[in-house]
Structures are given as structure tokens and as C-alpha cells.
Amino acid sequence: MSVPYIDADTLDEIANAYGLGVPLETLAAQVGTTEDDLRRLLGLPKWKQLPQKTELDLWAVDRLHDVL
């Protein structure tokens, strides 16, 4: 899938709207691209999904201190 061309003025308007609280998903839909592609065009960090853990590891900090 190719990213549609988005001119600099439109990107500035998108960045401004995002700064005012408009969800990036909504903005991406309006210009016909994905949220990830729009993040890349705006220079925003990519969200990473954290692995889901079902239990809390109370000793993780101690293991990290041992590594450092």
C-alpha cells in the first residue's frame, strides 16, 4: 500500500489539529492514510504494544539493578 501525497500545508494543518487534541486516527482517515503512516510523516514516535502480563513481577527491579 502506498502513502498518498500530502502537501506541506496540509501536514502543518494536521500537526496543528493534532496539537489541539484531534485524534490522529481521525486525521489519518480524513486524508486517506493510516495512523502509522501519518505518524511517520509528522515525525511522531511509533506506538509499541506492550506485552500483556497477567501477573505482577515484584522482583523485576532487583534483577535490573543486578544488570546495571
PDB file of N, CA and C in Angstrom:
ATOM      1  N   MET A   1       0.848  -1.175   0.000  1.00  0.00           N
ATOM      2  CA  MET A   1       0.000   0.000   0.000  1.00  0.00           C
ATOM      3  C   MET A   1       0.889   1.232   0.000  1.00  0.00           C
ATOM      4  N   SER A   2       0.632   2.149  -0.893  1.00  0.00           N
ATOM      5  CA  SER A   2       1.432   3.361  -0.957  1.00  0.00           C
ATOM      6  C   SER A   2       0.755   4.482  -0.166  1.00  0.00           C
ATOM      7  N   VAL A   3       1.596   5.365   0.318  1.00  0.00           N
ATOM      8  CA  VAL A   3       1.109   6.507   1.093  1.00  0.00           C
ATOM      9  C   VAL A   3       0.685   7.596   0.117  1.00  0.00           C
ATOM     10  N   PRO A   4      -0.526   8.151   0.261  1.00  0.00           N
ATOM     11  CA  PRO A   4      -0.947   9.221  -0.637  1.00  0.00           C
ATOM     12  C   PRO A   4      -0.110  10.485  -0.401  1.00  0.00           C
ATOM     13  N   TYR A   5       0.039  11.285  -1.433  1.00  0.00           N
ATOM     14  CA  TYR A   5       0.785  12.530  -1.310  1.00  0.00           C
ATOM     15  C   TYR A   5       0.010  13.501  -0.419  1.00  0.00           C
ATOM     16  N   ILE A   6       0.707  14.058   0.550  1.00  0.00           N
ATOM     17  CA  ILE A   6       0.114  15.068   1.433  1.00  0.00           C
ATOM     18  C   ILE A   6       1.050  16.264   1.413  1.00  0.00           C
ATOM     19  N   ASP A   7       0.566  17.399   0.932  1.00  0.00           N
ATOM     20  CA  ASP A   7       1.423  18.574   0.799  1.00  0.00           C
ATOM     21  C   ASP A   7       1.784  19.153   2.166  1.00  0.00           C
ATOM     22  N   ALA A   8       2.799  20.008   2.187  1.00  0.00           N
ATOM     23  CA  ALA A   8       3.330  20.559   3.428  1.00  0.00           C
ATOM     24  C   ALA A   8       2.293  21.391   4.185  1.00  0.00           C
ATOM     25  N   ASP A   9       1.475  22.146   3.470  1.00  0.00           N
ATOM     26  CA  ASP A   9       0.453  22.960   4.140  1.00  0.00           C
ATOM     27  C   ASP A   9      -0.563  22.077   4.863  1.00  0.00           C
ATOM     28  N   THR A  10      -0.952  20.987   4.212  1.00  0.00           N
ATOM     29  CA  THR A  10      -1.897  20.056   4.836  1.00  0.00           C
ATOM     30  C   THR A  10      -1.259  19.398   6.059  1.00  0.00           C
ATOM     31  N   LEU A  11       0.017  19.018   5.944  1.00  0.00           N
ATOM     32  CA  LEU A  11       0.709  18.431   7.092  1.00  0.00           C
ATOM     33  C   LEU A  11       0.786  19.416   8.262  1.00  0.00           C
ATOM     34  N   ASP A  12       1.005  20.693   7.952  1.00  0.00           N
ATOM     35  CA  ASP A  12       1.016  21.712   9.015  1.00  0.00           C
ATOM     36  C   ASP A  12      -0.348  21.819   9.685  1.00  0.00           C
ATOM     37  N   GLU A  13      -1.414  21.776   8.885  1.00  0.00           N
ATOM     38  CA  GLU A  13      -2.766  21.834   9.450  1.00  0.00           C
ATOM     39  C   GLU A  13      -3.059  20.595  10.299  1.00  0.00           C
ATOM     40  N   ILE A  14      -2.592  19.430   9.834  1.00  0.00           N
ATOM     41  CA  ILE A  14      -2.786  18.196  10.586  1.00  0.00           C
ATOM     42  C   ILE A  14      -2.034  18.269  11.906  1.00  0.00           C
ATOM     43  N   ALA A  15      -0.786  18.744  11.869  1.00  0.00           N
ATOM     44  CA  ALA A  15       0.008  18.867  13.091  1.00  0.00           C
ATOM     45  C   ALA A  15      -0.652  19.827  14.072  1.00  0.00           C
ATOM     46  N   ASN A  16      -1.207  20.919  13.555  1.00  0.00           N
ATOM     47  CA  ASN A  16      -1.903  21.886  14.411  1.00  0.00           C
ATOM     48  C   ASN A  16      -3.148  21.261  15.031  1.00  0.00           C
ATOM     49  N   ALA A  17      -3.930  20.555  14.235  1.00  0.00           N
ATOM     50  CA  ALA A  17      -5.147  19.911  14.744  1.00  0.00           C
ATOM     51  C   ALA A  17      -4.792  18.848  15.785  1.00  0.00           C
ATOM     52  N   TYR A  18      -3.732  18.090  15.519  1.00  0.00           N
ATOM     53  CA  TYR A  18      -3.290  17.074  16.479  1.00  0.00           C
ATOM     54  C   TYR A  18      -2.850  17.730  17.790  1.00  0.00           C
ATOM     55  N   GLY A  19      -2.178  18.862  17.682  1.00  0.00           N
ATOM     56  CA  GLY A  19      -1.770  19.604  18.868  1.00  0.00           C
ATOM     57  C   GLY A  19      -2.951  20.138  19.661  1.00  0.00           C
ATOM     58  N   LEU A  20      -4.062  20.360  18.988  1.00  0.00           N
ATOM     59  CA  LEU A  20      -5.268  20.852  19.657  1.00  0.00           C
ATOM     60  C   LEU A  20      -6.138  19.721  20.195  1.00  0.00           C
ATOM     61  N   GLY A  21      -5.690  18.466  19.985  1.00  0.00           N
ATOM     62  CA  GLY A  21      -6.391  17.345  20.586  1.00  0.00           C
ATOM     63  C   GLY A  21      -7.220  16.473  19.654  1.00  0.00           C
ATOM     64  N   VAL A  22      -7.177  16.739  18.363  1.00  0.00           N
ATOM     65  CA  VAL A  22      -7.909  15.888  17.425  1.00  0.00           C
ATOM     66  C   VAL A  22      -7.156  14.554  17.331  1.00  0.00           C
ATOM     67  N   PRO A  23      -7.845  13.433  17.487  1.00  0.00           N
ATOM     68  CA  PRO A  23      -7.159  12.131  17.433  1.00  0.00           C
ATOM     69  C   PRO A  23      -6.489  11.900  16.079  1.00  0.00           C
ATOM     70  N   LEU A  24      -5.300  11.325  16.129  1.00  0.00           N
ATOM     71  CA  LEU A  24      -4.542  11.063  14.913  1.00  0.00           C
ATOM     72  C   LEU A  24      -5.282  10.094  13.991  1.00  0.00           C
ATOM     73  N   GLU A  25      -6.030   9.181  14.569  1.00  0.00           N
ATOM     74  CA  GLU A  25      -6.816   8.230  13.774  1.00  0.00           C
ATOM     75  C   GLU A  25      -7.834   8.966  12.911  1.00  0.00           C
ATOM     76  N   THR A  26      -8.478   9.970  13.469  1.00  0.00           N
ATOM     77  CA  THR A  26      -9.462  10.767  12.736  1.00  0.00           C
ATOM     78  C   THR A  26      -8.799  11.542  11.605  1.00  0.00           C
ATOM     79  N   LEU A  27      -7.651  12.143  11.897  1.00  0.00           N
ATOM     80  CA  LEU A  27      -6.935  12.923  10.891  1.00  0.00           C
ATOM     81  C   LEU A  27      -6.444  12.036   9.755  1.00  0.00           C
ATOM     82  N   ALA A  28      -5.971  10.849  10.088  1.00  0.00           N
ATOM     83  CA  ALA A  28      -5.487   9.919   9.062  1.00  0.00           C
ATOM     84  C   ALA A  28      -6.631   9.495   8.143  1.00  0.00           C
ATOM     85  N   ALA A  29      -7.793   9.255   8.708  1.00  0.00           N
ATOM     86  CA  ALA A  29      -8.950   8.858   7.897  1.00  0.00           C
ATOM     87  C   ALA A  29      -9.361   9.981   6.950  1.00  0.00           C
ATOM     88  N   GLN A  30      -9.233  11.223   7.395  1.00  0.00           N
ATOM     89  CA  GLN A  30      -9.637  12.348   6.557  1.00  0.00           C
ATOM     90  C   GLN A  30      -8.736  12.523   5.341  1.00  0.00           C
ATOM     91  N   VAL A  31      -7.459  12.165   5.474  1.00  0.00           N
ATOM     92  CA  VAL A  31      -6.551  12.318   4.329  1.00  0.00           C
ATOM     93  C   VAL A  31      -6.309  11.004   3.589  1.00  0.00           C
ATOM     94  N   GLY A  32      -6.966   9.927   4.038  1.00  0.00           N
ATOM     95  CA  GLY A  32      -6.895   8.662   3.329  1.00  0.00           C
ATOM     96  C   GLY A  32      -5.614   7.872   3.528  1.00  0.00           C
ATOM     97  N   THR A  33      -5.084   7.881   4.736  1.00  0.00           N
ATOM     98  CA  THR A  33      -3.883   7.113   5.037  1.00  0.00           C
ATOM     99  C   THR A  33      -4.056   6.420   6.380  1.00  0.00           C
ATOM    100  N   THR A  34      -3.046   5.705   6.806  1.00  0.00           N
ATOM    101  CA  THR A  34      -3.117   5.031   8.096  1.00  0.00           C
ATOM    102  C   THR A  34      -2.510   5.908   9.178  1.00  0.00           C
ATOM    103  N   GLU A  35      -2.837   5.585  10.399  1.00  0.00           N
ATOM    104  CA  GLU A  35      -2.297   6.334  11.530  1.00  0.00           C
ATOM    105  C   GLU A  35      -0.776   6.197  11.596  1.00  0.00           C
ATOM    106  N   ASP A  36      -0.253   4.999  11.322  1.00  0.00           N
ATOM    107  CA  ASP A  36       1.194   4.782  11.349  1.00  0.00           C
ATOM    108  C   ASP A  36       1.911   5.612  10.286  1.00  0.00           C
ATOM    109  N   ASP A  37       1.337   5.671   9.080  1.00  0.00           N
ATOM    110  CA  ASP A  37       1.946   6.470   8.013  1.00  0.00           C
ATOM    111  C   ASP A  37       1.922   7.956   8.368  1.00  0.00           C
ATOM    112  N   LEU A  38       0.840   8.400   8.950  1.00  0.00           N
ATOM    113  CA  LEU A  38       0.742   9.804   9.337  1.00  0.00           C
ATOM    114  C   LEU A  38       1.724  10.128  10.456  1.00  0.00           C
ATOM    115  N   ARG A  39       1.903   9.210  11.394  1.00  0.00           N
ATOM    116  CA  ARG A  39       2.913   9.401  12.447  1.00  0.00           C
ATOM    117  C   ARG A  39       4.301   9.581  11.834  1.00  0.00           C
ATOM    118  N   ARG A  40       4.610   8.736  10.846  1.00  0.00           N
ATOM    119  CA  ARG A  40       5.916   8.812  10.203  1.00  0.00           C
ATOM    120  C   ARG A  40       6.087  10.146   9.480  1.00  0.00           C
ATOM    121  N   LEU A  41       5.055  10.588   8.763  1.00  0.00           N
ATOM    122  CA  LEU A  41       5.138  11.858   8.035  1.00  0.00           C
ATOM    123  C   LEU A  41       5.299  13.052   8.970  1.00  0.00           C
ATOM    124  N   LEU A  42       4.687  12.967  10.147  1.00  0.00           N
ATOM    125  CA  LEU A  42       4.766  14.070  11.112  1.00  0.00           C
ATOM    126  C   LEU A  42       5.996  13.966  12.016  1.00  0.00           C
ATOM    127  N   GLY A  43       6.713  12.853  11.919  1.00  0.00           N
ATOM    128  CA  GLY A  43       7.904  12.679  12.756  1.00  0.00           C
ATOM    129  C   GLY A  43       7.571  12.326  14.191  1.00  0.00           C
ATOM    130  N   LEU A  44       6.404  11.733  14.400  1.00  0.00           N
ATOM    131  CA  LEU A  44       5.989  11.333  15.741  1.00  0.00           C
ATOM    132  C   LEU A  44       6.485   9.927  16.034  1.00  0.00           C
ATOM    133  N   PRO A  45       6.711   9.600  17.302  1.00  0.00           N
ATOM    134  CA  PRO A  45       7.163   8.244  17.620  1.00  0.00           C
ATOM    135  C   PRO A  45       6.081   7.218  17.331  1.00  0.00           C
ATOM    136  N   LYS A  46       6.528   6.037  16.969  1.00  0.00           N
ATOM    137  CA  LYS A  46       5.595   4.950  16.698  1.00  0.00           C
ATOM    138  C   LYS A  46       5.214   4.297  18.005  1.00  0.00           C
ATOM    139  N   TRP A  47       3.933   4.043  18.181  1.00  0.00           N
ATOM    140  CA  TRP A  47       3.467   3.379  19.394  1.00  0.00           C
ATOM    141  C   TRP A  47       3.825   1.918  19.338  1.00  0.00           C
ATOM    142  N   LYS A  48       4.256   1.413  20.450  1.00  0.00           N
ATOM    143  CA  LYS A  48       4.567  -0.005  20.536  1.00  0.00           C
ATOM    144  C   LYS A  48       3.585  -0.649  21.497  1.00  0.00           C
ATOM    145  N   GLN A  49       3.108  -1.803  21.121  1.00  0.00           N
ATOM    146  CA  GLN A  49       2.232  -2.554  22.002  1.00  0.00           C
ATOM    147  C   GLN A  49       3.085  -3.256  23.042  1.00  0.00           C
ATOM    148  N   LEU A  50       2.765  -3.061  24.278  1.00  0.00           N
ATOM    149  CA  LEU A  50       3.476  -3.745  25.342  1.00  0.00           C
ATOM    150  C   LEU A  50       2.916  -5.147  25.512  1.00  0.00           C
ATOM    151  N   PRO A  51       3.781  -6.093  25.802  1.00  0.00           N
ATOM    152  CA  PRO A  51       3.255  -7.444  26.032  1.00  0.00           C
ATOM    153  C   PRO A  51       2.359  -7.452  27.258  1.00  0.00           C
ATOM    154  N   GLN A  52       1.293  -8.184  27.161  1.00  0.00           N
ATOM    155  CA  GLN A  52       0.345  -8.260  28.265  1.00  0.00           C
ATOM    156  C   GLN A  52       0.793  -9.319  29.256  1.00  0.00           C
ATOM    157  N   LYS A  53       0.967  -8.914  30.488  1.00  0.00           N
ATOM    158  CA  LYS A  53       1.318  -9.861  31.538  1.00  0.00           C
ATOM    159  C   LYS A  53       0.112 -10.014  32.450  1.00  0.00           C
ATOM    160  N   THR A  54      -0.106 -11.214  32.870  1.00  0.00           N
ATOM    161  CA  THR A  54      -1.264 -11.453  33.718  1.00  0.00           C
ATOM    162  C   THR A  54      -0.912 -11.351  35.196  1.00  0.00           C
ATOM    163  N   GLU A  55       0.385 -11.341  35.503  1.00  0.00           N
ATOM    164  CA  GLU A  55       0.766 -11.238  36.910  1.00  0.00           C
ATOM    165  C   GLU A  55       1.866 -10.196  37.069  1.00  0.00           C
ATOM    166  N   LEU A  56       1.986  -9.639  38.228  1.00  0.00           N
ATOM    167  CA  LEU A  56       2.954  -8.610  38.538  1.00  0.00           C
ATOM    168  C   LEU A  56       4.252  -9.262  39.003  1.00  0.00           C
ATOM    169  N   ASP A  57       5.367  -8.844  38.423  1.00  0.00           N
ATOM    170  CA  ASP A  57       6.674  -9.372  38.789  1.00  0.00           C
ATOM    171  C   ASP A  57       7.306  -8.420  39.808  1.00  0.00           C
ATOM    172  N   LEU A  58       7.230  -8.774  41.070  1.00  0.00           N
ATOM    173  CA  LEU A  58       7.725  -7.904  42.139  1.00  0.00           C
ATOM    174  C   LEU A  58       9.246  -7.845  42.200  1.00  0.00           C
ATOM    175  N   TRP A  59       9.931  -8.801  41.602  1.00  0.00           N
ATOM    176  CA  TRP A  59      11.391  -8.853  41.713  1.00  0.00           C
ATOM    177  C   TRP A  59      12.099  -8.352  40.456  1.00  0.00           C
ATOM    178  N   ALA A  60      11.379  -7.805  39.512  1.00  0.00           N
ATOM    179  CA  ALA A  60      11.994  -7.326  38.273  1.00  0.00           C
ATOM    180  C   ALA A  60      12.998  -6.209  38.552  1.00  0.00           C
ATOM    181  N   VAL A  61      12.699  -5.339  39.480  1.00  0.00           N
ATOM    182  CA  VAL A  61      13.602  -4.226  39.802  1.00  0.00           C
ATOM    183  C   VAL A  61      14.925  -4.749  40.329  1.00  0.00           C
ATOM    184  N   ASP A  62      14.888  -5.746  41.191  1.00  0.00           N
ATOM    185  CA  ASP A  62      16.125  -6.302  41.728  1.00  0.00           C
ATOM    186  C   ASP A  62      16.981  -6.915  40.623  1.00  0.00           C
ATOM    187  N   ARG A  63      16.364  -7.588  39.670  1.00  0.00           N
ATOM    188  CA  ARG A  63      17.117  -8.183  38.560  1.00  0.00           C
ATOM    189  C   ARG A  63      17.724  -7.080  37.682  1.00  0.00           C
ATOM    190  N   LEU A  64      17.002  -5.994  37.490  1.00  0.00           N
ATOM    191  CA  LEU A  64      17.530  -4.883  36.692  1.00  0.00           C
ATOM    192  C   LEU A  64      18.707  -4.223  37.392  1.00  0.00           C
ATOM    193  N   HIS A  65      18.646  -4.067  38.698  1.00  0.00           N
ATOM    194  CA  HIS A  65      19.763  -3.492  39.439  1.00  0.00           C
ATOM    195  C   HIS A  65      20.997  -4.382  39.321  1.00  0.00           C
ATOM    196  N   ASP A  66      20.808  -5.682  39.306  1.00  0.00           N
ATOM    197  CA  ASP A  66      21.930  -6.616  39.147  1.00  0.00           C
ATOM    198  C   ASP A  66      22.589  -6.446  37.781  1.00  0.00           C
ATOM    199  N   VAL A  67      21.790  -6.166  36.752  1.00  0.00           N
ATOM    200  CA  VAL A  67      22.330  -5.984  35.407  1.00  0.00           C
ATOM    201  C   VAL A  67      23.145  -4.697  35.322  1.00  0.00           C
ATOM    202  N   LEU A  68      22.655  -3.643  35.956  1.00  0.00           N
ATOM    203  CA  LEU A  68      23.356  -2.366  35.896  1.00  0.00           C
ATOM    204  C   LEU A  68      24.546  -2.394  36.819  1.00  0.00           C
TER     205      LEU A  68
END
